[in-house]
Amino acid sequence: MKKISYTIGKALTSAYILYSCLKEPKSGYRLMQDARGLSIANWSSGSFYPTVDALVKGGMLSKGSGKGNRANNAYRTTKIGKEYLGRISQYFRKQELRIFFSALMEGRF
């Protein structure tokens, strides 16, 4: 179950970053602050930025073209990132059912 939790956590972090950068470019700092403000995450930069870097390398995020002082460090979701969001939402639907039925079988309800 530990590996599934790790995979889900990493996928959720990626999904949050991609979704947050859909409408407007955001800096990494702003992404972290927004997540903390919503009480959905308390990432350290050491765990957050490697995920951002992996999304950029994977072509799911582009870097640059933001506003203000952090313009060069702003990220925007690419077409590939939007497609990934669609796939990951399907993954979570399936995964939720697996987790639910596993919990039932283990008598956790």
Protein backbone atom coordinates (compact mmCIF):
# COMPACT_ATOMS: atom_id res chain seq x y z
CA MET A 1 0.00 0.00 0.00
CA LYS A 2 2.98 2.33 0.59
CA LYS A 3 3.91 2.35 -3.11
CA ILE A 4 0.32 3.13 -4.12
CA SER A 5 0.20 6.01 -1.62
CA TYR A 6 3.50 7.38 -2.94
CA THR A 7 2.29 7.13 -6.54
CA ILE A 8 -1.02 8.78 -5.72
CA GLY A 9 0.73 11.56 -3.78
CA LYS A 10 3.11 12.29 -6.63
CA ALA A 11 0.27 12.20 -9.16
CA LEU A 12 -1.83 14.55 -7.02
CA THR A 13 1.06 17.00 -6.75
CA SER A 14 1.52 16.93 -10.53
CA ALA A 15 -2.22 17.33 -11.11
CA TYR A 16 -2.42 20.30 -8.72
CA ILE A 17 0.51 22.05 -10.41
CA LEU A 18 -0.83 21.47 -13.92
CA TYR A 19 -4.37 22.51 -13.03
CA SER A 20 -3.17 25.63 -11.23
CA CYS A 21 -1.18 26.76 -14.26
CA LEU A 22 -3.97 26.26 -16.81
CA LYS A 23 -5.53 29.74 -16.77
CA GLU A 24 -2.50 31.88 -16.00
CA PRO A 25 1.24 31.42 -15.55
CA LYS A 26 2.31 31.05 -11.93
CA SER A 27 5.66 31.05 -10.21
CA GLY A 28 6.71 28.08 -8.11
CA TYR A 29 6.54 30.29 -5.04
CA ARG A 30 2.95 31.28 -5.80
CA LEU A 31 1.95 27.66 -6.44
CA MET A 32 3.31 26.66 -3.04
CA GLN A 33 1.65 29.61 -1.29
CA ASP A 34 -1.72 28.93 -2.96
CA ALA A 35 -1.56 25.27 -1.89
CA ARG A 36 -0.74 26.26 1.68
CA GLY A 37 -3.55 28.83 1.66
CA LEU A 38 -6.01 26.13 0.65
CA SER A 39 -4.58 23.83 3.34
CA ILE A 40 -4.04 21.10 0.75
CA ALA A 41 -0.28 20.81 1.03
CA ASN A 42 2.73 21.94 2.98
CA TRP A 43 5.48 21.12 0.52
CA SER A 44 9.10 21.89 1.06
CA SER A 45 10.95 23.32 -1.91
CA GLY A 46 13.06 20.14 -1.89
CA SER A 47 10.04 17.98 -2.65
CA PHE A 48 8.08 20.46 -4.77
CA TYR A 49 10.61 21.74 -7.31
CA PRO A 50 11.80 18.32 -8.51
CA THR A 51 8.17 17.63 -9.49
CA VAL A 52 7.97 20.98 -11.32
CA ASP A 53 11.27 20.24 -13.08
CA ALA A 54 10.03 16.79 -14.14
CA LEU A 55 6.85 18.36 -15.57
CA VAL A 56 8.94 20.88 -17.55
CA LYS A 57 11.27 18.13 -18.85
CA GLY A 58 8.23 16.04 -19.78
CA GLY A 59 6.80 18.91 -21.83
CA MET A 60 3.76 19.29 -19.57
CA LEU A 61 4.78 22.73 -18.26
CA SER A 62 6.51 25.57 -20.04
CA LYS A 63 8.64 28.08 -18.16
CA GLY A 64 8.62 31.84 -18.67
CA SER A 65 6.26 34.61 -19.88
CA GLY A 66 4.73 35.52 -16.52
CA LYS A 67 4.04 38.96 -15.04
CA GLY A 68 6.00 40.99 -12.50
CA ASN A 69 9.25 40.16 -10.76
CA ARG A 70 8.85 36.42 -11.18
CA ALA A 71 8.14 36.54 -14.93
CA ASN A 72 11.06 34.30 -15.90
CA ASN A 73 10.08 31.69 -13.33
CA ALA A 74 6.39 31.46 -14.21
CA TYR A 75 4.99 28.15 -15.42
CA ARG A 76 2.13 27.45 -17.79
CA THR A 77 0.44 24.13 -18.57
CA THR A 78 1.05 22.96 -22.15
CA LYS A 79 -1.20 20.94 -24.44
CA ILE A 80 0.65 17.79 -23.33
CA GLY A 81 -0.02 18.77 -19.71
CA LYS A 82 -3.74 19.19 -20.42
CA GLU A 83 -3.84 15.72 -21.98
CA TYR A 84 -2.04 14.29 -18.95
CA LEU A 85 -4.62 15.90 -16.65
CA GLY A 86 -7.35 14.07 -18.57
CA ARG A 87 -5.56 10.74 -18.21
CA ILE A 88 -4.75 11.23 -14.57
CA SER A 89 -8.38 12.03 -13.73
CA GLN A 90 -9.36 8.67 -15.22
CA TYR A 91 -6.60 7.00 -13.19
CA PHE A 92 -7.91 8.51 -9.97
CA ARG A 93 -11.44 7.33 -10.67
CA LYS A 94 -10.17 3.76 -11.07
CA GLN A 95 -7.80 4.05 -8.12
CA GLU A 96 -10.54 5.35 -5.81
CA LEU A 97 -12.60 2.26 -6.53
CA ARG A 98 -9.64 -0.05 -5.90
CA ILE A 99 -8.85 1.63 -2.59
CA PHE A 100 -12.50 1.54 -1.55
CA PHE A 101 -12.87 -2.17 -2.29
CA SER A 102 -9.53 -2.98 -0.65
CA ALA A 103 -10.69 -1.18 2.48
CA LEU A 104 -13.95 -3.11 2.41
CA MET A 105 -12.16 -6.44 2.03
CA GLU A 106 -9.79 -5.60 4.89
CA GLY A 107 -12.73 -4.69 7.13
CA ARG A 108 -11.77 -1.06 7.62
CA PHE A 109 -15.42 0.07 7.47
